[in-house]
């Protein structure tokens, strides 16, 4: 791991494990995680440049060197071994070392160590109790062989001690189960706390950016409004460019509302929307936002296609999907947006809670790019997941959130080398487009 920004370095440092990156020669070039404090209390970065093998006791170094050799051959290796802490006490570690291959050769190693001293000590206690009980049992059997007249008494003692052993094993099993449950609960709590911190940090960042951007946008809007008052003095081409600028400012204003809603500073505003009309208006704007190498075609069914949703949220969702389609085609090709109506099935109705009708309104965005793999398709709408360098991983997460908020779902059709079609499906709104009833 050659570079870690400040935010994600905090996440790694919060881990209870000790995480290290070794170069191909086994020298430490990155170390983080609370487990690293067992090695160095004040500054784990002091370990940088140290051979990982040298951190182990003399008697364990040959074993650790063999583990590195196995990992260098492309094998992931797991082992458990003891190592003194910086306080001098022996601690047991469960270690995973995995090679990272680049350009058909070893680039570096990833090492994750977890302190399992408690688990080892519990296992040792169980084994010691079993040995003690076995010794007592052997003594009882030996005495019964030398004094047959006391057979009945010895059998009673045997049964009693066997029952005690069973009770002890049951109690130890219960303790082990409680320890496992406690560790699982701790891991879940740590994961929840990290996720909450990440969401809070991103929310604060987005909120600040949105407020600053909105203040600058007001200057642009005021200037454009002044030009609109004198639009009659402009030539047709300049009036057309002014229209595009005003439309862009309107979408930018909607974007700040979406950002503030993401940061939980502004609520969603659902209303009855004719999706066909919305998409036609959106396409005119999108054609100028995709770049000169990308065309946008719209195929729309006749008649109204009403849906109850947040208008600006759907526009932003469509923009995010279209931008992804543009990137998939490397900025050259045609995006086809299709709007229509269909009859759904009972599974969709149950999923979105729409029991009165199975009618659905859909918007599909199709590109002719390189498609996507099954792994990417499964994680496409995860927050912070991205395949683009410098991407935030929030664009398609916003798409999924907007559609789900409207009671809809997302369908993906994609094959590597062929292209991708993303279909946003919503329940048909039975009320009036004018009144919202």
Protein backbone atom coordinates (compact mmCIF):
# COMPACT_ATOMS: atom_id res chain seq x y z
CA UNK A 1 0.00 0.00 0.00
CA UNK A 2 2.05 2.86 -1.29
CA UNK A 3 -0.32 5.76 -0.42
CA UNK A 4 -3.19 6.11 2.04
CA UNK A 5 -5.08 9.33 2.47
CA UNK A 6 -5.78 10.71 5.91
CA UNK A 7 -9.40 9.59 6.13
CA UNK A 8 -8.83 5.97 5.20
CA UNK A 9 -5.65 5.84 7.30
CA UNK A 10 -7.92 6.54 10.31
CA UNK A 11 -10.13 3.60 9.34
CA UNK A 12 -7.14 1.27 9.12
CA UNK A 13 -5.71 2.59 12.40
CA UNK A 14 -9.05 1.87 14.12
CA UNK A 15 -8.78 -1.86 13.35
CA UNK A 16 -7.97 -4.17 16.27
CA UNK A 17 -5.61 -6.09 13.95
CA UNK A 18 -2.03 -5.28 12.99
CA UNK A 19 -1.83 -4.68 9.22
CA UNK A 20 1.49 -4.61 7.39
CA UNK A 21 2.76 -4.35 3.84
CA UNK A 22 6.11 -5.96 3.07
CA UNK A 23 8.15 -5.43 -0.04
CA UNK A 24 9.21 -8.45 -2.11
CA UNK A 25 12.25 -8.92 0.18
CA UNK A 26 10.13 -9.07 3.36
CA UNK A 27 10.95 -5.53 4.59
CA UNK A 28 8.14 -3.56 6.26
CA UNK A 29 7.05 -0.50 4.28
CA UNK A 30 3.62 0.13 5.85
CA UNK A 31 2.17 -0.72 9.27
CA UNK A 32 -1.12 0.35 10.91
CA UNK A 33 -3.90 -0.87 13.19
CA UNK A 34 -4.21 -0.95 16.97
CA UNK A 35 -2.51 -4.33 17.02
CA UNK A 36 0.72 -2.55 16.00
CA UNK A 37 0.87 -1.03 19.49
CA UNK A 38 1.84 -4.45 20.79
CA UNK A 39 5.08 -4.02 18.83
CA UNK A 40 5.76 -0.29 19.33
CA UNK A 41 3.71 1.84 21.74
CA UNK A 42 4.57 5.37 20.63
CA UNK A 43 5.06 5.30 16.83
CA UNK A 44 4.49 2.12 14.75
CA UNK A 45 6.19 3.90 11.80
CA UNK A 46 9.48 3.21 13.58
CA UNK A 47 9.11 -0.33 12.23
CA UNK A 48 9.38 0.85 8.62
CA UNK A 49 12.51 -0.54 6.99
CA UNK A 50 12.71 -3.46 9.46
CA UNK A 51 12.77 -7.06 8.21
CA UNK A 52 9.52 -8.72 9.32
CA UNK A 53 11.41 -11.91 10.23
CA UNK A 54 13.49 -9.94 12.77
CA UNK A 55 10.34 -9.10 14.79
CA UNK A 56 9.98 -12.78 15.76
CA UNK A 57 11.90 -14.66 18.47
CA UNK A 58 15.11 -16.39 17.38
CA UNK A 59 13.53 -19.87 17.60
CA UNK A 60 10.65 -18.89 15.30
CA UNK A 61 12.57 -17.05 12.56
CA UNK A 62 13.36 -20.10 10.44
CA UNK A 63 9.65 -21.03 10.42
CA UNK A 64 8.65 -17.46 9.47
CA UNK A 65 11.25 -17.43 6.69
CA UNK A 66 9.77 -20.65 5.26
CA UNK A 67 6.30 -19.07 5.39
CA UNK A 68 7.58 -16.11 3.34
CA UNK A 69 9.08 -18.49 0.79
CA UNK A 70 5.74 -20.31 0.41
CA UNK A 71 3.88 -17.00 0.02
CA UNK A 72 6.43 -15.80 -2.55
CA UNK A 73 5.51 -18.81 -4.69
CA UNK A 74 1.92 -17.50 -4.91
CA UNK A 75 0.34 -19.30 -1.92
CA UNK A 76 -1.68 -17.66 0.85
CA UNK A 77 -0.39 -18.95 4.20
CA UNK A 78 -2.04 -18.92 7.65
CA UNK A 79 -0.32 -19.83 10.93
CA UNK A 80 -0.49 -19.26 14.69
CA UNK A 81 2.65 -18.48 16.71
CA UNK A 82 3.80 -16.77 19.91
CA UNK A 83 5.71 -13.52 19.98
CA UNK A 84 6.68 -11.22 22.90
CA UNK A 85 4.91 -7.87 23.09
CA UNK A 86 6.72 -4.60 23.76
CA UNK A 87 5.83 -5.10 27.45
CA UNK A 88 7.74 -8.39 27.47
CA UNK A 89 4.74 -10.72 27.90
CA UNK A 90 4.19 -13.49 25.35
CA UNK A 91 1.17 -13.04 23.07
CA UNK A 92 -0.26 -15.51 20.54
CA UNK A 93 -0.97 -14.22 17.01
CA UNK A 94 -3.04 -15.62 14.17
CA UNK A 95 -1.23 -14.47 11.02
CA UNK A 96 -2.35 -14.38 7.38
CA UNK A 97 0.21 -13.55 4.69
CA UNK A 98 -0.83 -13.18 1.05
CA UNK A 99 1.28 -12.34 -1.99
CA UNK A 100 0.32 -9.53 -4.41
CA UNK A 101 1.26 -10.34 -8.00
CA UNK A 102 1.73 -7.60 -10.62
CA UNK A 103 2.87 -8.19 -14.19
CA UNK A 104 3.35 -11.93 -13.51
CA UNK A 105 5.82 -11.39 -10.67
CA UNK A 106 5.74 -10.83 -6.93
CA UNK A 107 5.24 -7.15 -6.08
CA UNK A 108 4.72 -7.21 -2.30
CA UNK A 109 3.12 -9.08 0.62
CA UNK A 110 0.03 -8.21 2.70
CA UNK A 111 0.25 -9.39 6.33
CA UNK A 112 -2.68 -9.23 8.79
CA UNK A 113 -2.06 -10.33 12.39
CA UNK A 114 -4.75 -10.80 15.05
CA UNK A 115 -4.13 -11.27 18.77
CA UNK A 116 -5.72 -14.63 19.74
CA UNK A 117 -4.08 -15.01 23.14
CA UNK A 118 -7.42 -15.34 24.94
CA UNK A 119 -8.59 -18.08 22.58
CA UNK A 120 -5.33 -20.02 22.98
CA UNK A 121 -5.45 -19.71 26.76
CA UNK A 122 -9.04 -20.96 26.87
CA UNK A 123 -8.10 -23.92 24.67
CA UNK A 124 -5.09 -24.68 26.89
CA UNK A 125 -7.32 -24.58 29.99
CA UNK A 126 -9.76 -27.00 28.39
CA UNK A 127 -6.95 -29.39 27.51
CA UNK A 128 -5.47 -29.17 31.03
CA UNK A 129 -8.82 -29.99 32.61
CA UNK A 130 -9.29 -32.92 30.23
CA UNK A 131 -5.83 -34.26 31.13
CA UNK A 132 -6.56 -33.90 34.86
CA UNK A 133 -9.88 -35.69 34.52
CA UNK A 134 -8.26 -38.44 32.45
CA UNK A 135 -5.56 -38.93 35.10
CA UNK A 136 -8.19 -39.27 37.82
CA UNK A 137 -10.13 -41.70 35.68
CA UNK A 138 -6.98 -43.80 35.13
CA UNK A 139 -6.29 -43.85 38.85
CA UNK A 140 -9.84 -45.01 39.53
CA UNK A 141 -9.60 -47.83 36.97
CA UNK A 142 -6.24 -48.95 38.43
CA UNK A 143 -7.67 -49.13 41.95
CA UNK A 144 -10.72 -51.07 40.73
CA UNK A 145 -8.47 -53.72 39.10
CA UNK A 146 -6.57 -54.30 42.40
CA UNK A 147 -9.67 -54.46 44.65
CA UNK A 148 -12.55 -56.24 42.95
CA UNK A 149 -14.55 -56.27 46.18
CA UNK A 150 -14.85 -52.50 45.96
CA UNK A 151 -16.15 -52.65 42.36
CA UNK A 152 -19.54 -51.18 43.13
CA UNK A 153 -18.11 -48.24 45.08
CA UNK A 154 -15.52 -47.50 42.40
CA UNK A 155 -18.16 -47.58 39.67
CA UNK A 156 -20.19 -45.01 41.58
CA UNK A 157 -17.08 -42.82 41.90
CA UNK A 158 -16.34 -43.24 38.21
CA UNK A 159 -19.84 -42.20 37.25
CA UNK A 160 -19.61 -39.23 39.57
CA UNK A 161 -16.28 -38.06 38.17
CA UNK A 162 -17.42 -38.74 34.59
CA UNK A 163 -20.47 -36.60 35.27
CA UNK A 164 -18.22 -33.88 36.72
CA UNK A 165 -16.08 -34.02 33.60
CA UNK A 166 -19.17 -33.73 31.42
CA UNK A 167 -20.40 -30.77 33.46
CA UNK A 168 -16.98 -29.09 33.21
CA UNK A 169 -16.86 -29.60 29.44
CA UNK A 170 -20.39 -28.20 29.11
CA UNK A 171 -19.46 -25.17 31.19
CA UNK A 172 -16.29 -24.60 29.17
CA UNK A 173 -18.23 -24.98 25.94
CA UNK A 174 -20.66 -22.37 27.21
CA UNK A 175 -17.78 -20.03 28.09
CA UNK A 176 -16.23 -20.51 24.61
CA UNK A 177 -19.58 -19.78 22.96
CA UNK A 178 -20.01 -16.64 25.07
CA UNK A 179 -16.50 -15.50 24.13
CA UNK A 180 -17.23 -16.06 20.44
CA UNK A 181 -20.51 -14.17 20.73
CA UNK A 182 -18.78 -11.31 22.55
CA UNK A 183 -16.06 -11.09 19.88
CA UNK A 184 -18.68 -11.12 17.11
CA UNK A 185 -20.63 -8.37 18.85
CA UNK A 186 -17.46 -6.35 19.28
CA UNK A 187 -16.61 -6.73 15.57
CA UNK A 188 -20.12 -5.62 14.57
CA UNK A 189 -19.93 -2.64 16.92
CA UNK A 190 -16.54 -1.63 15.48
CA UNK A 191 -17.85 -1.93 11.92
CA UNK A 192 -20.97 0.11 12.75
CA UNK A 193 -18.91 2.80 14.46
CA UNK A 194 -16.52 3.07 11.50
CA UNK A 195 -19.42 3.28 9.02
CA UNK A 196 -21.13 5.95 11.13
CA UNK A 197 -17.91 7.99 11.32
CA UNK A 198 -17.42 7.68 7.56
CA UNK A 199 -21.02 8.74 6.81
CA UNK A 200 -20.75 11.67 9.23
CA UNK A 201 -17.44 12.86 7.76
CA UNK A 202 -18.70 12.62 4.18
CA UNK A 203 -21.97 14.30 5.12
CA UNK A 204 -20.13 17.24 6.70
CA UNK A 205 -17.82 17.56 3.68
CA UNK A 206 -20.69 17.39 1.17
CA UNK A 207 -22.76 19.88 3.16
CA UNK A 208 -19.93 22.43 3.25
CA UNK A 209 -19.18 22.07 -0.47
CA UNK A 210 -22.88 22.33 -1.37
CA UNK A 211 -23.35 25.52 0.66
CA UNK A 212 -20.25 27.18 -0.85
CA UNK A 213 -21.22 26.06 -4.36
CA UNK A 214 -24.76 27.36 -3.89
CA UNK A 215 -23.45 30.80 -2.85
CA UNK A 216 -21.29 31.02 -5.99
CA UNK A 217 -24.17 29.74 -8.11
CA UNK A 218 -26.41 32.61 -7.01
CA UNK A 219 -24.01 35.06 -8.69
CA UNK A 220 -24.25 33.08 -11.93
CA UNK A 221 -28.07 32.94 -11.74
CA UNK A 222 -28.38 36.68 -11.09
CA UNK A 223 -26.11 37.42 -14.06
CA UNK A 224 -28.06 35.10 -16.36
CA UNK A 225 -31.33 36.67 -15.23
CA UNK A 226 -29.97 40.06 -16.25
CA UNK A 227 -29.08 38.70 -19.69
CA UNK A 228 -32.57 37.17 -20.07
CA UNK A 229 -34.10 40.63 -19.59
CA UNK A 230 -32.11 41.83 -22.62
CA UNK A 231 -32.49 38.60 -24.63
CA UNK A 232 -34.17 40.47 -27.52
CA UNK A 233 -30.89 42.26 -28.20
CA UNK A 234 -29.00 38.96 -28.67
CA UNK A 235 -28.69 37.06 -31.93
CA UNK A 236 -30.42 33.64 -32.19
CA UNK A 237 -27.24 31.68 -31.49
CA UNK A 238 -26.48 33.69 -28.35
CA UNK A 239 -30.09 33.32 -27.15
CA UNK A 240 -29.81 29.55 -27.62
CA UNK A 241 -26.56 29.42 -25.63
CA UNK A 242 -28.20 31.57 -22.93
CA UNK A 243 -31.03 29.03 -22.72
CA UNK A 244 -28.49 26.23 -22.23
CA UNK A 245 -26.72 28.22 -19.52
CA UNK A 246 -29.98 28.92 -17.67
CA UNK A 247 -30.94 25.24 -17.89
CA UNK A 248 -27.51 24.24 -16.62
CA UNK A 249 -27.83 26.62 -13.68
CA UNK A 250 -31.25 25.13 -12.87
CA UNK A 251 -29.76 21.64 -12.84
CA UNK A 252 -26.84 22.86 -10.73
CA UNK A 253 -29.32 24.29 -8.22
CA UNK A 254 -31.10 20.92 -8.15
CA UNK A 255 -27.73 19.22 -7.62
CA UNK A 256 -27.02 21.31 -4.52
CA UNK A 257 -30.42 20.28 -3.15
CA UNK A 258 -29.54 16.62 -3.76
CA UNK A 259 -26.16 17.08 -2.07
CA UNK A 260 -27.79 18.72 0.94
CA UNK A 261 -30.37 15.93 1.03
CA UNK A 262 -27.52 13.39 0.96
CA UNK A 263 -25.95 15.22 3.91
CA UNK A 264 -29.41 15.15 5.62
CA UNK A 265 -29.73 18.92 5.54
CA UNK A 266 -32.67 19.00 3.12
CA UNK A 267 -35.54 16.50 2.68
CA UNK A 268 -36.73 14.88 -0.55
CA UNK A 269 -39.75 16.50 -2.29
CA UNK A 270 -41.84 13.83 -4.04
CA UNK A 271 -44.65 14.86 -6.39
CA UNK A 272 -46.61 13.35 -9.32
CA UNK A 273 -44.33 13.49 -12.40
CA UNK A 274 -44.91 12.54 -16.04
CA UNK A 275 -41.72 10.58 -16.62
CA UNK A 276 -42.02 10.80 -20.42
CA UNK A 277 -42.07 14.60 -20.42
CA UNK A 278 -39.29 14.75 -17.83
CA UNK A 279 -37.00 12.48 -19.88
CA UNK A 280 -37.60 14.46 -23.11
CA UNK A 281 -36.64 17.69 -21.37
CA UNK A 282 -33.69 16.04 -19.69
CA UNK A 283 -32.39 14.63 -23.01
CA UNK A 284 -32.16 18.13 -24.55
CA UNK A 285 -29.91 19.19 -21.69
CA UNK A 286 -27.97 15.89 -21.56
CA UNK A 287 -26.98 16.13 -25.25
CA UNK A 288 -24.91 19.20 -24.40
CA UNK A 289 -23.49 17.67 -21.22
CA UNK A 290 -22.23 14.39 -22.68
CA UNK A 291 -19.71 15.92 -25.06
CA UNK A 292 -19.64 16.11 -28.86
CA UNK A 293 -18.77 12.43 -29.34
CA UNK A 294 -21.86 11.04 -27.58
CA UNK A 295 -25.41 11.15 -28.95
CA UNK A 296 -28.60 10.77 -26.89
CA UNK A 297 -31.69 9.18 -28.49
CA UNK A 298 -35.07 8.98 -26.72
CA UNK A 299 -37.77 6.37 -27.41
CA UNK A 300 -40.93 7.27 -25.47
CA UNK A 301 -44.33 5.58 -25.34
CA UNK A 302 -47.33 7.78 -26.09
CA UNK A 303 -49.58 9.11 -23.36
CA UNK A 304 -48.81 10.17 -19.77
CA UNK A 305 -46.53 7.98 -17.65
CA UNK A 306 -47.16 9.19 -14.08
CA UNK A 307 -44.91 8.31 -11.13
CA UNK A 308 -44.77 9.68 -7.57
CA UNK A 309 -41.15 10.74 -6.93
CA UNK A 310 -38.71 13.62 -6.43
CA UNK A 311 -38.28 15.33 -9.82
CA UNK A 312 -34.76 16.65 -9.20
CA UNK A 313 -33.74 13.30 -7.74
CA UNK A 314 -34.75 11.45 -10.91
CA UNK A 315 -33.00 14.01 -13.14
CA UNK A 316 -29.80 13.62 -11.13
CA UNK A 317 -30.14 9.81 -11.18
CA UNK A 318 -30.51 9.85 -14.98
CA UNK A 319 -27.48 12.14 -15.29
CA UNK A 320 -25.38 9.78 -13.16
CA UNK A 321 -26.42 6.75 -15.25
CA UNK A 322 -25.76 8.61 -18.52
CA UNK A 323 -22.34 9.79 -17.35
CA UNK A 324 -21.45 6.18 -16.51
CA UNK A 325 -22.66 5.13 -19.98
CA UNK A 326 -20.54 7.85 -21.59
CA UNK A 327 -17.45 6.69 -19.68
CA UNK A 328 -18.16 3.04 -20.62
CA UNK A 329 -18.10 4.07 -24.31
CA UNK A 330 -14.92 6.15 -23.84
CA UNK A 331 -16.78 9.28 -24.94
CA UNK A 332 -17.90 7.97 -28.36
CA UNK A 333 -21.23 6.34 -29.24
CA UNK A 334 -24.96 6.71 -28.72
CA UNK A 335 -26.94 6.43 -25.50
CA UNK A 336 -30.53 5.22 -25.99
CA UNK A 337 -33.06 6.24 -23.33
CA UNK A 338 -36.36 4.32 -23.50
CA UNK A 339 -39.45 5.26 -21.49
CA UNK A 340 -42.52 3.04 -21.35
CA UNK A 341 -45.05 1.11 -19.34
CA UNK A 342 -45.34 -2.61 -18.62
CA UNK A 343 -47.15 -5.09 -16.42
CA UNK A 344 -45.02 -6.41 -13.56
CA UNK A 345 -45.26 -9.61 -11.55
CA UNK A 346 -46.30 -10.32 -7.98
CA UNK A 347 -42.73 -10.47 -6.77
CA UNK A 348 -42.12 -6.85 -7.77
CA UNK A 349 -45.40 -5.73 -6.24
CA UNK A 350 -44.54 -7.45 -2.95
CA UNK A 351 -41.06 -5.91 -2.96
CA UNK A 352 -42.27 -2.33 -3.41
CA UNK A 353 -45.49 -2.67 -1.38
CA UNK A 354 -47.75 -1.87 -4.35
CA UNK A 355 -50.76 -4.19 -4.01
CA UNK A 356 -53.39 -2.23 -5.90
CA UNK A 357 -51.79 -2.46 -9.34
CA UNK A 358 -48.98 -4.25 -11.14
CA UNK A 359 -48.55 -1.49 -13.73
CA UNK A 360 -45.01 -0.18 -13.87
CA UNK A 361 -43.28 2.76 -15.54
CA UNK A 362 -39.69 2.21 -16.58
CA UNK A 363 -36.76 4.29 -17.85
CA UNK A 364 -33.89 2.34 -19.41
CA UNK A 365 -30.47 3.72 -20.38
CA UNK A 366 -28.51 1.56 -22.86
CA UNK A 367 -24.94 2.01 -24.06
CA UNK A 368 -22.65 0.20 -26.49
CA UNK A 369 -19.62 0.12 -24.18
CA UNK A 370 -17.55 -2.81 -22.98
CA UNK A 371 -20.12 -4.12 -20.48
CA UNK A 372 -19.17 -5.27 -16.99
CA UNK A 373 -18.15 -8.44 -15.18
CA UNK A 374 -20.42 -10.34 -12.79
CA UNK A 375 -18.34 -9.13 -9.82
CA UNK A 376 -18.77 -5.46 -10.78
CA UNK A 377 -22.50 -6.01 -11.53
CA UNK A 378 -23.06 -7.43 -8.03
CA UNK A 379 -21.40 -4.42 -6.33
CA UNK A 380 -22.47 -1.68 -8.77
CA UNK A 381 -24.72 0.25 -6.36
CA UNK A 382 -22.59 -0.14 -3.20
CA UNK A 383 -21.65 3.23 -1.66
CA UNK A 384 -17.96 4.11 -2.21
CA UNK A 385 -17.45 1.26 -4.74
CA UNK A 386 -16.00 2.53 -8.01
CA UNK A 387 -13.95 1.21 -10.92
CA UNK A 388 -12.91 4.70 -12.08
CA UNK A 389 -9.70 6.34 -10.92
CA UNK A 390 -10.62 9.30 -8.74
CA UNK A 391 -14.31 8.30 -8.60
CA UNK A 392 -16.27 8.82 -5.38
CA UNK A 393 -18.44 5.71 -5.69
CA UNK A 394 -21.53 7.76 -4.72
CA UNK A 395 -23.14 8.42 -8.14
CA UNK A 396 -24.83 5.05 -8.67
CA UNK A 397 -25.50 4.74 -4.93
CA UNK A 398 -27.58 7.93 -5.32
CA UNK A 399 -29.39 6.31 -8.27
CA UNK A 400 -30.32 3.28 -6.19
CA UNK A 401 -31.40 5.46 -3.24
CA UNK A 402 -33.63 7.68 -5.40
CA UNK A 403 -35.35 4.71 -7.07
CA UNK A 404 -35.82 2.86 -3.78
CA UNK A 405 -37.23 6.00 -2.16
CA UNK A 406 -39.89 6.07 -4.89
CA UNK A 407 -40.76 2.41 -4.19
CA UNK A 408 -39.04 1.12 -7.32
CA UNK A 409 -36.22 -1.17 -8.30
CA UNK A 410 -33.22 -1.33 -10.62
CA UNK A 411 -32.59 -4.00 -13.27
CA UNK A 412 -29.21 -4.50 -14.96
CA UNK A 413 -28.50 -6.27 -18.24
CA UNK A 414 -24.82 -6.38 -19.14
CA UNK A 415 -22.37 -8.67 -20.89
CA UNK A 416 -18.65 -8.05 -21.18
CA UNK A 417 -17.84 -6.72 -24.65
CA UNK A 418 -21.48 -6.09 -25.64
CA UNK A 419 -22.84 -3.22 -23.58
CA UNK A 420 -25.04 -2.38 -20.60
CA UNK A 421 -28.71 -1.53 -20.07
CA UNK A 422 -29.78 -0.11 -16.70
CA UNK A 423 -33.56 -0.01 -16.20
CA UNK A 424 -35.18 2.10 -13.45
CA UNK A 425 -38.63 0.67 -12.66
CA UNK A 426 -41.33 2.51 -10.66
CA UNK A 427 -44.92 1.76 -9.59
CA UNK A 428 -47.46 3.47 -11.84
CA UNK A 429 -49.03 6.44 -10.00
CA UNK A 430 -52.84 6.13 -10.20
CA UNK A 431 -53.63 9.70 -9.18
CA UNK A 432 -53.86 12.96 -11.15
CA UNK A 433 -50.75 14.65 -12.45
CA UNK A 434 -52.30 18.07 -11.78
CA UNK A 435 -53.50 17.58 -8.21
CA UNK A 436 -51.27 14.82 -6.86
CA UNK A 437 -54.29 13.05 -5.38
